[in-house]
Amino acid sequence: MFWGLSEDLINKNNYDEVNKLLDFIFNDIEIVSTKDGKEINLSKIEKEKSLKRIEELGEIKVVENYKAGKYFEV
Protein backbone atom coordinates (compact mmCIF):
# COMPACT_ATOMS: atom_id res chain seq x y z
CA MET A 1 0.00 0.00 0.00
CA PHE A 2 1.12 3.51 -0.70
CA TRP A 3 0.27 6.61 1.25
CA GLY A 4 -1.93 8.97 -0.77
CA LEU A 5 -2.52 6.63 -3.70
CA SER A 6 -6.28 6.24 -3.33
CA GLU A 7 -6.77 10.03 -3.36
CA ASP A 8 -4.76 10.39 -6.59
CA LEU A 9 -6.59 7.80 -8.67
CA ILE A 10 -8.99 8.99 -11.35
CA ASN A 11 -10.69 5.59 -11.49
CA LYS A 12 -10.88 3.81 -8.13
CA ASN A 13 -11.28 0.49 -9.99
CA ASN A 14 -7.61 0.81 -11.01
CA TYR A 15 -6.44 0.70 -7.38
CA ASP A 16 -5.39 -2.97 -7.24
CA GLU A 17 -3.46 -2.93 -10.52
CA VAL A 18 -1.77 0.42 -9.87
CA ASN A 19 -0.87 -0.65 -6.33
CA LYS A 20 0.72 -3.87 -7.64
CA LEU A 21 2.65 -1.97 -10.31
CA LEU A 22 3.96 0.56 -7.78
CA ASP A 23 4.89 -2.27 -5.43
CA PHE A 24 6.92 -3.84 -8.24
CA ILE A 25 8.57 -0.50 -9.06
CA PHE A 26 9.62 0.07 -5.45
CA ASN A 27 10.83 -3.47 -4.72
CA ASP A 28 12.31 -4.94 -7.89
CA ILE A 29 16.08 -4.77 -8.16
CA GLU A 30 17.70 -6.93 -10.78
CA ILE A 31 20.98 -6.25 -12.53
CA VAL A 32 22.31 -8.80 -14.99
CA SER A 33 25.84 -9.01 -16.35
CA THR A 34 26.28 -9.84 -20.02
CA LYS A 35 29.04 -12.04 -21.46
CA ASP A 36 31.14 -9.00 -22.32
CA GLY A 37 30.99 -7.75 -18.73
CA LYS A 38 28.42 -5.03 -19.23
CA GLU A 39 25.58 -4.71 -16.76
CA ILE A 40 21.97 -4.36 -17.77
CA ASN A 41 19.53 -3.00 -15.24
CA LEU A 42 16.42 -5.05 -15.96
CA SER A 43 14.51 -3.37 -13.17
CA LYS A 44 14.86 0.00 -14.93
CA ILE A 45 13.37 -1.48 -18.11
CA GLU A 46 10.53 -3.11 -16.18
CA LYS A 47 9.91 0.06 -14.15
CA GLU A 48 9.49 2.01 -17.37
CA LYS A 49 7.00 -0.60 -18.62
CA SER A 50 5.09 -0.44 -15.34
CA LEU A 51 4.91 3.36 -15.44
CA LYS A 52 3.75 3.16 -19.06
CA ARG A 53 0.96 0.77 -18.01
CA ILE A 54 -0.15 3.14 -15.25
CA GLU A 55 -0.28 5.92 -17.87
CA GLU A 56 -2.32 3.66 -20.17
CA LEU A 57 -4.83 3.27 -17.35
CA GLY A 58 -5.20 7.05 -17.44
CA GLU A 59 -3.58 7.57 -14.04
CA ILE A 60 -1.20 10.34 -15.12
CA LYS A 61 -1.27 12.02 -11.69
CA VAL A 62 0.03 8.80 -10.12
CA VAL A 63 2.98 8.73 -12.54
CA GLU A 64 3.73 12.41 -11.93
CA ASN A 65 3.59 11.94 -8.16
CA TYR A 66 5.82 8.84 -8.35
CA LYS A 67 8.42 10.76 -10.37
CA ALA A 68 8.20 13.62 -7.85
CA GLY A 69 8.93 11.17 -5.02
CA LYS A 70 5.58 11.65 -3.30
CA TYR A 71 4.80 7.97 -2.65
CA PHE A 72 6.00 5.99 0.32
CA GLU A 73 5.18 2.40 1.18
CA VAL A 74 2.99 1.96 4.23
PDB file of N, CA and C in Angstrom:
ATOM      1  N   MET A   1       0.832  -1.176   0.000  1.00  0.00           N
ATOM      2  CA  MET A   1       0.000   0.000   0.000  1.00  0.00           C
ATOM      3  C   MET A   1       0.881   1.245   0.000  1.00  0.00           C
ATOM      4  N   PHE A   2       0.366   2.270  -0.593  1.00  0.00           N
ATOM      5  CA  PHE A   2       1.117   3.506  -0.705  1.00  0.00           C
ATOM      6  C   PHE A   2       0.298   4.668  -0.178  1.00  0.00           C
ATOM      7  N   TRP A   3       0.932   5.470   0.655  1.00  0.00           N
ATOM      8  CA  TRP A   3       0.268   6.613   1.254  1.00  0.00           C
ATOM      9  C   TRP A   3      -0.151   7.595   0.171  1.00  0.00           C
ATOM     10  N   GLY A   4      -1.424   7.971   0.162  1.00  0.00           N
ATOM     11  CA  GLY A   4      -1.933   8.970  -0.767  1.00  0.00           C
ATOM     12  C   GLY A   4      -2.399   8.445  -2.106  1.00  0.00           C
ATOM     13  N   LEU A   5      -2.191   7.173  -2.386  1.00  0.00           N
ATOM     14  CA  LEU A   5      -2.525   6.635  -3.704  1.00  0.00           C
ATOM     15  C   LEU A   5      -4.018   6.707  -3.985  1.00  0.00           C
ATOM     16  N   SER A   6      -4.837   6.297  -3.051  1.00  0.00           N
ATOM     17  CA  SER A   6      -6.279   6.241  -3.326  1.00  0.00           C
ATOM     18  C   SER A   6      -6.860   7.613  -3.638  1.00  0.00           C
ATOM     19  N   GLU A   7      -6.286   8.676  -3.074  1.00  0.00           N
ATOM     20  CA  GLU A   7      -6.768  10.025  -3.359  1.00  0.00           C
ATOM     21  C   GLU A   7      -6.363  10.493  -4.757  1.00  0.00           C
ATOM     22  N   ASP A   8      -5.293   9.944  -5.298  1.00  0.00           N
ATOM     23  CA  ASP A   8      -4.764  10.392  -6.588  1.00  0.00           C
ATOM     24  C   ASP A   8      -5.393   9.692  -7.782  1.00  0.00           C
ATOM     25  N   LEU A   9      -6.041   8.570  -7.560  1.00  0.00           N
ATOM     26  CA  LEU A   9      -6.594   7.803  -8.673  1.00  0.00           C
ATOM     27  C   LEU A   9      -7.794   8.498  -9.299  1.00  0.00           C
ATOM     28  N   ILE A  10      -7.841   8.482 -10.615  1.00  0.00           N
ATOM     29  CA  ILE A  10      -8.992   8.990 -11.348  1.00  0.00           C
ATOM     30  C   ILE A  10     -10.104   7.953 -11.289  1.00  0.00           C
ATOM     31  N   ASN A  11      -9.733   6.696 -11.503  1.00  0.00           N
ATOM     32  CA  ASN A  11     -10.694   5.592 -11.491  1.00  0.00           C
ATOM     33  C   ASN A  11     -10.328   4.658 -10.338  1.00  0.00           C
ATOM     34  N   LYS A  12     -11.150   4.626  -9.317  1.00  0.00           N
ATOM     35  CA  LYS A  12     -10.877   3.805  -8.126  1.00  0.00           C
ATOM     36  C   LYS A  12     -10.794   2.316  -8.453  1.00  0.00           C
ATOM     37  N   ASN A  13     -11.370   1.893  -9.578  1.00  0.00           N
ATOM     38  CA  ASN A  13     -11.284   0.487  -9.992  1.00  0.00           C
ATOM     39  C   ASN A  13      -9.866   0.097 -10.396  1.00  0.00           C
ATOM     40  N   ASN A  14      -9.002   1.077 -10.635  1.00  0.00           N
ATOM     41  CA  ASN A  14      -7.611   0.809 -11.008  1.00  0.00           C
ATOM     42  C   ASN A  14      -6.718   0.574  -9.792  1.00  0.00           C
ATOM     43  N   TYR A  15      -7.266   0.721  -8.590  1.00  0.00           N
ATOM     44  CA  TYR A  15      -6.438   0.696  -7.383  1.00  0.00           C
ATOM     45  C   TYR A  15      -5.569  -0.553  -7.286  1.00  0.00           C
ATOM     46  N   ASP A  16      -6.156  -1.736  -7.415  1.00  0.00           N
ATOM     47  CA  ASP A  16      -5.388  -2.973  -7.238  1.00  0.00           C
ATOM     48  C   ASP A  16      -4.235  -3.077  -8.225  1.00  0.00           C
ATOM     49  N   GLU A  17      -4.515  -2.806  -9.508  1.00  0.00           N
ATOM     50  CA  GLU A  17      -3.463  -2.934 -10.517  1.00  0.00           C
ATOM     51  C   GLU A  17      -2.372  -1.888 -10.319  1.00  0.00           C
ATOM     52  N   VAL A  18      -2.759  -0.645 -10.071  1.00  0.00           N
ATOM     53  CA  VAL A  18      -1.772   0.420  -9.870  1.00  0.00           C
ATOM     54  C   VAL A  18      -0.952   0.137  -8.615  1.00  0.00           C
ATOM     55  N   ASN A  19      -1.587  -0.321  -7.555  1.00  0.00           N
ATOM     56  CA  ASN A  19      -0.870  -0.651  -6.326  1.00  0.00           C
ATOM     57  C   ASN A  19       0.161  -1.748  -6.576  1.00  0.00           C
ATOM     58  N   LYS A  20      -0.215  -2.787  -7.322  1.00  0.00           N
ATOM     59  CA  LYS A  20       0.718  -3.874  -7.638  1.00  0.00           C
ATOM     60  C   LYS A  20       1.880  -3.374  -8.493  1.00  0.00           C
ATOM     61  N   LEU A  21       1.592  -2.511  -9.461  1.00  0.00           N
ATOM     62  CA  LEU A  21       2.652  -1.972 -10.313  1.00  0.00           C
ATOM     63  C   LEU A  21       3.609  -1.106  -9.503  1.00  0.00           C
ATOM     64  N   LEU A  22       3.089  -0.265  -8.628  1.00  0.00           N
ATOM     65  CA  LEU A  22       3.955   0.556  -7.783  1.00  0.00           C
ATOM     66  C   LEU A  22       4.771  -0.311  -6.832  1.00  0.00           C
ATOM     67  N   ASP A  23       4.169  -1.358  -6.310  1.00  0.00           N
ATOM     68  CA  ASP A  23       4.889  -2.271  -5.434  1.00  0.00           C
ATOM     69  C   ASP A  23       6.069  -2.888  -6.176  1.00  0.00           C
ATOM     70  N   PHE A  24       5.847  -3.293  -7.416  1.00  0.00           N
ATOM     71  CA  PHE A  24       6.923  -3.839  -8.243  1.00  0.00           C
ATOM     72  C   PHE A  24       8.014  -2.791  -8.456  1.00  0.00           C
ATOM     73  N   ILE A  25       7.610  -1.577  -8.797  1.00  0.00           N
ATOM     74  CA  ILE A  25       8.572  -0.504  -9.061  1.00  0.00           C
ATOM     75  C   ILE A  25       9.453  -0.258  -7.839  1.00  0.00           C
ATOM     76  N   PHE A  26       8.864  -0.231  -6.666  1.00  0.00           N
ATOM     77  CA  PHE A  26       9.616   0.070  -5.453  1.00  0.00           C
ATOM     78  C   PHE A  26      10.494  -1.084  -4.993  1.00  0.00           C
ATOM     79  N   ASN A  27      10.141  -2.325  -5.311  1.00  0.00           N
ATOM     80  CA  ASN A  27      10.832  -3.469  -4.722  1.00  0.00           C
ATOM     81  C   ASN A  27      11.697  -4.283  -5.668  1.00  0.00           C
ATOM     82  N   ASP A  28      11.575  -4.099  -6.953  1.00  0.00           N
ATOM     83  CA  ASP A  28      12.312  -4.944  -7.889  1.00  0.00           C
ATOM     84  C   ASP A  28      13.693  -4.372  -8.158  1.00  0.00           C
ATOM     85  N   ILE A  29      14.700  -5.154  -7.850  1.00  0.00           N
ATOM     86  CA  ILE A  29      16.078  -4.770  -8.159  1.00  0.00           C
ATOM     87  C   ILE A  29      16.723  -5.970  -8.828  1.00  0.00           C
ATOM     88  N   GLU A  30      17.093  -5.813 -10.075  1.00  0.00           N
ATOM     89  CA  GLU A  30      17.698  -6.934 -10.782  1.00  0.00           C
ATOM     90  C   GLU A  30      18.669  -6.401 -11.827  1.00  0.00           C
ATOM     91  N   ILE A  31      19.943  -6.642 -11.583  1.00  0.00           N
ATOM     92  CA  ILE A  31      20.984  -6.250 -12.527  1.00  0.00           C
ATOM     93  C   ILE A  31      21.630  -7.520 -13.045  1.00  0.00           C
ATOM     94  N   VAL A  32      21.758  -7.614 -14.351  1.00  0.00           N
ATOM     95  CA  VAL A  32      22.312  -8.799 -14.992  1.00  0.00           C
ATOM     96  C   VAL A  32      23.581  -8.403 -15.731  1.00  0.00           C
ATOM     97  N   SER A  33      24.607  -9.235 -15.608  1.00  0.00           N
ATOM     98  CA  SER A  33      25.843  -9.008 -16.345  1.00  0.00           C
ATOM     99  C   SER A  33      25.808  -9.798 -17.643  1.00  0.00           C
ATOM    100  N   THR A  34      26.221  -9.167 -18.732  1.00  0.00           N
ATOM    101  CA  THR A  34      26.277  -9.844 -20.019  1.00  0.00           C
ATOM    102  C   THR A  34      27.635 -10.518 -20.170  1.00  0.00           C
ATOM    103  N   LYS A  35      27.788 -11.306 -21.238  1.00  0.00           N
ATOM    104  CA  LYS A  35      29.036 -12.041 -21.462  1.00  0.00           C
ATOM    105  C   LYS A  35      30.243 -11.117 -21.586  1.00  0.00           C
ATOM    106  N   ASP A  36      30.025  -9.919 -22.143  1.00  0.00           N
ATOM    107  CA  ASP A  36      31.142  -8.996 -22.322  1.00  0.00           C
ATOM    108  C   ASP A  36      31.396  -8.128 -21.088  1.00  0.00           C
ATOM    109  N   GLY A  37      30.747  -8.448 -19.980  1.00  0.00           N
ATOM    110  CA  GLY A  37      30.993  -7.750 -18.726  1.00  0.00           C
ATOM    111  C   GLY A  37      30.134  -6.521 -18.485  1.00  0.00           C
ATOM    112  N   LYS A  38      29.304  -6.175 -19.428  1.00  0.00           N
ATOM    113  CA  LYS A  38      28.421  -5.026 -19.234  1.00  0.00           C
ATOM    114  C   LYS A  38      27.261  -5.428 -18.333  1.00  0.00           C
ATOM    115  N   GLU A  39      26.731  -4.446 -17.622  1.00  0.00           N
ATOM    116  CA  GLU A  39      25.585  -4.713 -16.757  1.00  0.00           C
ATOM    117  C   GLU A  39      24.335  -4.095 -17.359  1.00  0.00           C
ATOM    118  N   ILE A  40      23.257  -4.841 -17.302  1.00  0.00           N
ATOM    119  CA  ILE A  40      21.966  -4.356 -17.774  1.00  0.00           C
ATOM    120  C   ILE A  40      21.044  -4.304 -16.562  1.00  0.00           C
ATOM    121  N   ASN A  41      20.446  -3.159 -16.354  1.00  0.00           N
ATOM    122  CA  ASN A  41      19.526  -2.997 -15.239  1.00  0.00           C
ATOM    123  C   ASN A  41      18.129  -3.347 -15.722  1.00  0.00           C
ATOM    124  N   LEU A  42      17.738  -4.601 -15.516  1.00  0.00           N
ATOM    125  CA  LEU A  42      16.420  -5.054 -15.956  1.00  0.00           C
ATOM    126  C   LEU A  42      15.306  -4.357 -15.196  1.00  0.00           C
ATOM    127  N   SER A  43      15.564  -4.014 -13.945  1.00  0.00           N
ATOM    128  CA  SER A  43      14.511  -3.371 -13.170  1.00  0.00           C
ATOM    129  C   SER A  43      14.160  -2.011 -13.759  1.00  0.00           C
ATOM    130  N   LYS A  44      15.143  -1.308 -14.309  1.00  0.00           N
ATOM    131  CA  LYS A  44      14.858  -0.003 -14.927  1.00  0.00           C
ATOM    132  C   LYS A  44      13.939  -0.182 -16.131  1.00  0.00           C
ATOM    133  N   ILE A  45      14.203  -1.197 -16.934  1.00  0.00           N
ATOM    134  CA  ILE A  45      13.369  -1.478 -18.108  1.00  0.00           C
ATOM    135  C   ILE A  45      11.956  -1.829 -17.664  1.00  0.00           C
ATOM    136  N   GLU A  46      11.845  -2.688 -16.664  1.00  0.00           N
ATOM    137  CA  GLU A  46      10.534  -3.106 -16.175  1.00  0.00           C
ATOM    138  C   GLU A  46       9.802  -1.963 -15.478  1.00  0.00           C
ATOM    139  N   LYS A  47      10.534  -1.100 -14.785  1.00  0.00           N
ATOM    140  CA  LYS A  47       9.905   0.059 -14.150  1.00  0.00           C
ATOM    141  C   LYS A  47       9.285   0.968 -15.198  1.00  0.00           C
ATOM    142  N   GLU A  48      10.016   1.170 -16.297  1.00  0.00           N
ATOM    143  CA  GLU A  48       9.487   2.009 -17.374  1.00  0.00           C
ATOM    144  C   GLU A  48       8.214   1.400 -17.960  1.00  0.00           C
ATOM    145  N   LYS A  49       8.194   0.075 -18.116  1.00  0.00           N
ATOM    146  CA  LYS A  49       6.995  -0.601 -18.624  1.00  0.00           C
ATOM    147  C   LYS A  49       5.837  -0.455 -17.637  1.00  0.00           C
ATOM    148  N   SER A  50       6.133  -0.569 -16.356  1.00  0.00           N
ATOM    149  CA  SER A  50       5.091  -0.439 -15.337  1.00  0.00           C
ATOM    150  C   SER A  50       4.519   0.972 -15.317  1.00  0.00           C
ATOM    151  N   LEU A  51       5.388   1.971 -15.402  1.00  0.00           N
ATOM    152  CA  LEU A  51       4.913   3.357 -15.439  1.00  0.00           C
ATOM    153  C   LEU A  51       4.087   3.614 -16.689  1.00  0.00           C
ATOM    154  N   LYS A  52       4.503   3.024 -17.805  1.00  0.00           N
ATOM    155  CA  LYS A  52       3.751   3.156 -19.057  1.00  0.00           C
ATOM    156  C   LYS A  52       2.352   2.559 -18.892  1.00  0.00           C
ATOM    157  N   ARG A  53       2.264   1.408 -18.230  1.00  0.00           N
ATOM    158  CA  ARG A  53       0.960   0.771 -18.013  1.00  0.00           C
ATOM    159  C   ARG A  53       0.062   1.646 -17.134  1.00  0.00           C
ATOM    160  N   ILE A  54       0.634   2.248 -16.104  1.00  0.00           N
ATOM    161  CA  ILE A  54      -0.147   3.143 -15.251  1.00  0.00           C
ATOM    162  C   ILE A  54      -0.671   4.322 -16.073  1.00  0.00           C
ATOM    163  N   GLU A  55       0.168   4.850 -16.972  1.00  0.00           N
ATOM    164  CA  GLU A  55      -0.275   5.924 -17.873  1.00  0.00           C
ATOM    165  C   GLU A  55      -1.408   5.443 -18.771  1.00  0.00           C
ATOM    166  N   GLU A  56      -1.281   4.218 -19.300  1.00  0.00           N
ATOM    167  CA  GLU A  56      -2.316   3.659 -20.173  1.00  0.00           C
ATOM    168  C   GLU A  56      -3.654   3.534 -19.451  1.00  0.00           C
ATOM    169  N   LEU A  57      -3.606   3.333 -18.144  1.00  0.00           N
ATOM    170  CA  LEU A  57      -4.830   3.266 -17.348  1.00  0.00           C
ATOM    171  C   LEU A  57      -5.438   4.656 -17.139  1.00  0.00           C
ATOM    172  N   GLY A  58      -4.715   5.685 -17.570  1.00  0.00           N
ATOM    173  CA  GLY A  58      -5.203   7.054 -17.437  1.00  0.00           C
ATOM    174  C   GLY A  58      -4.827   7.709 -16.123  1.00  0.00           C
ATOM    175  N   GLU A  59      -3.954   7.075 -15.364  1.00  0.00           N
ATOM    176  CA  GLU A  59      -3.585   7.573 -14.042  1.00  0.00           C
ATOM    177  C   GLU A  59      -2.297   8.406 -14.121  1.00  0.00           C
ATOM    178  N   ILE A  60      -2.361   9.479 -14.890  1.00  0.00           N
ATOM    179  CA  ILE A  60      -1.196  10.340 -15.118  1.00  0.00           C
ATOM    180  C   ILE A  60      -0.716  10.982 -13.814  1.00  0.00           C
ATOM    181  N   LYS A  61      -1.648  11.386 -12.961  1.00  0.00           N
ATOM    182  CA  LYS A  61      -1.271  12.019 -11.693  1.00  0.00           C
ATOM    183  C   LYS A  61      -0.428  11.079 -10.839  1.00  0.00           C
ATOM    184  N   VAL A  62      -0.739   9.787 -10.881  1.00  0.00           N
ATOM    185  CA  VAL A  62       0.031   8.804 -10.119  1.00  0.00           C
ATOM    186  C   VAL A  62       1.470   8.758 -10.635  1.00  0.00           C
ATOM    187  N   VAL A  63       1.637   8.753 -11.951  1.00  0.00           N
ATOM    188  CA  VAL A  63       2.983   8.726 -12.540  1.00  0.00           C
ATOM    189  C   VAL A  63       3.741   9.997 -12.162  1.00  0.00           C
ATOM    190  N   GLU A  64       3.085  11.139 -12.277  1.00  0.00           N
ATOM    191  CA  GLU A  64       3.727  12.411 -11.933  1.00  0.00           C
ATOM    192  C   GLU A  64       4.149  12.433 -10.466  1.00  0.00           C
ATOM    193  N   ASN A  65       3.267  11.961  -9.585  1.00  0.00           N
ATOM    194  CA  ASN A  65       3.593  11.943  -8.159  1.00  0.00           C
ATOM    195  C   ASN A  65       4.701  10.945  -7.843  1.00  0.00           C
ATOM    196  N   TYR A  66       4.731   9.805  -8.544  1.00  0.00           N
ATOM    197  CA  TYR A  66       5.822   8.844  -8.351  1.00  0.00           C
ATOM    198  C   TYR A  66       7.153   9.492  -8.738  1.00  0.00           C
ATOM    199  N   LYS A  67       7.181  10.130  -9.898  1.00  0.00           N
ATOM    200  CA  LYS A  67       8.418  10.761 -10.368  1.00  0.00           C
ATOM    201  C   LYS A  67       8.855  11.899  -9.452  1.00  0.00           C
ATOM    202  N   ALA A  68       7.894  12.537  -8.787  1.00  0.00           N
ATOM    203  CA  ALA A  68       8.199  13.622  -7.853  1.00  0.00           C
ATOM    204  C   ALA A  68       8.581  13.097  -6.465  1.00  0.00           C
ATOM    205  N   GLY A  69       8.545  11.771  -6.293  1.00  0.00           N
ATOM    206  CA  GLY A  69       8.932  11.168  -5.022  1.00  0.00           C
ATOM    207  C   GLY A  69       7.899  11.323  -3.920  1.00  0.00           C
ATOM    208  N   LYS A  70       6.634  11.407  -4.293  1.00  0.00           N
ATOM    209  CA  LYS A  70       5.584  11.648  -3.304  1.00  0.00           C
ATOM    210  C   LYS A  70       4.999  10.378  -2.692  1.00  0.00           C
ATOM    211  N   TYR A  71       5.366   9.204  -3.181  1.00  0.00           N
ATOM    212  CA  TYR A  71       4.798   7.969  -2.647  1.00  0.00           C
ATOM    213  C   TYR A  71       5.783   7.265  -1.732  1.00  0.00           C
ATOM    214  N   PHE A  72       5.234   6.759  -0.643  1.00  0.00           N
ATOM    215  CA  PHE A  72       6.004   5.992   0.322  1.00  0.00           C
ATOM    216  C   PHE A  72       5.198   4.760   0.683  1.00  0.00           C
ATOM    217  N   GLU A  73       5.874   3.635   0.802  1.00  0.00           N
ATOM    218  CA  GLU A  73       5.178   2.404   1.178  1.00  0.00           C
ATOM    219  C   GLU A  73       4.723   2.490   2.624  1.00  0.00           C
ATOM    220  N   VAL A  74       3.534   1.958   2.869  1.00  0.00           N
ATOM    221  CA  VAL A  74       2.986   1.955   4.230  1.00  0.00           C
ATOM    222  C   VAL A  74       3.143   0.569   4.804  1.00  0.00           C
TER     223      VAL A  74
END
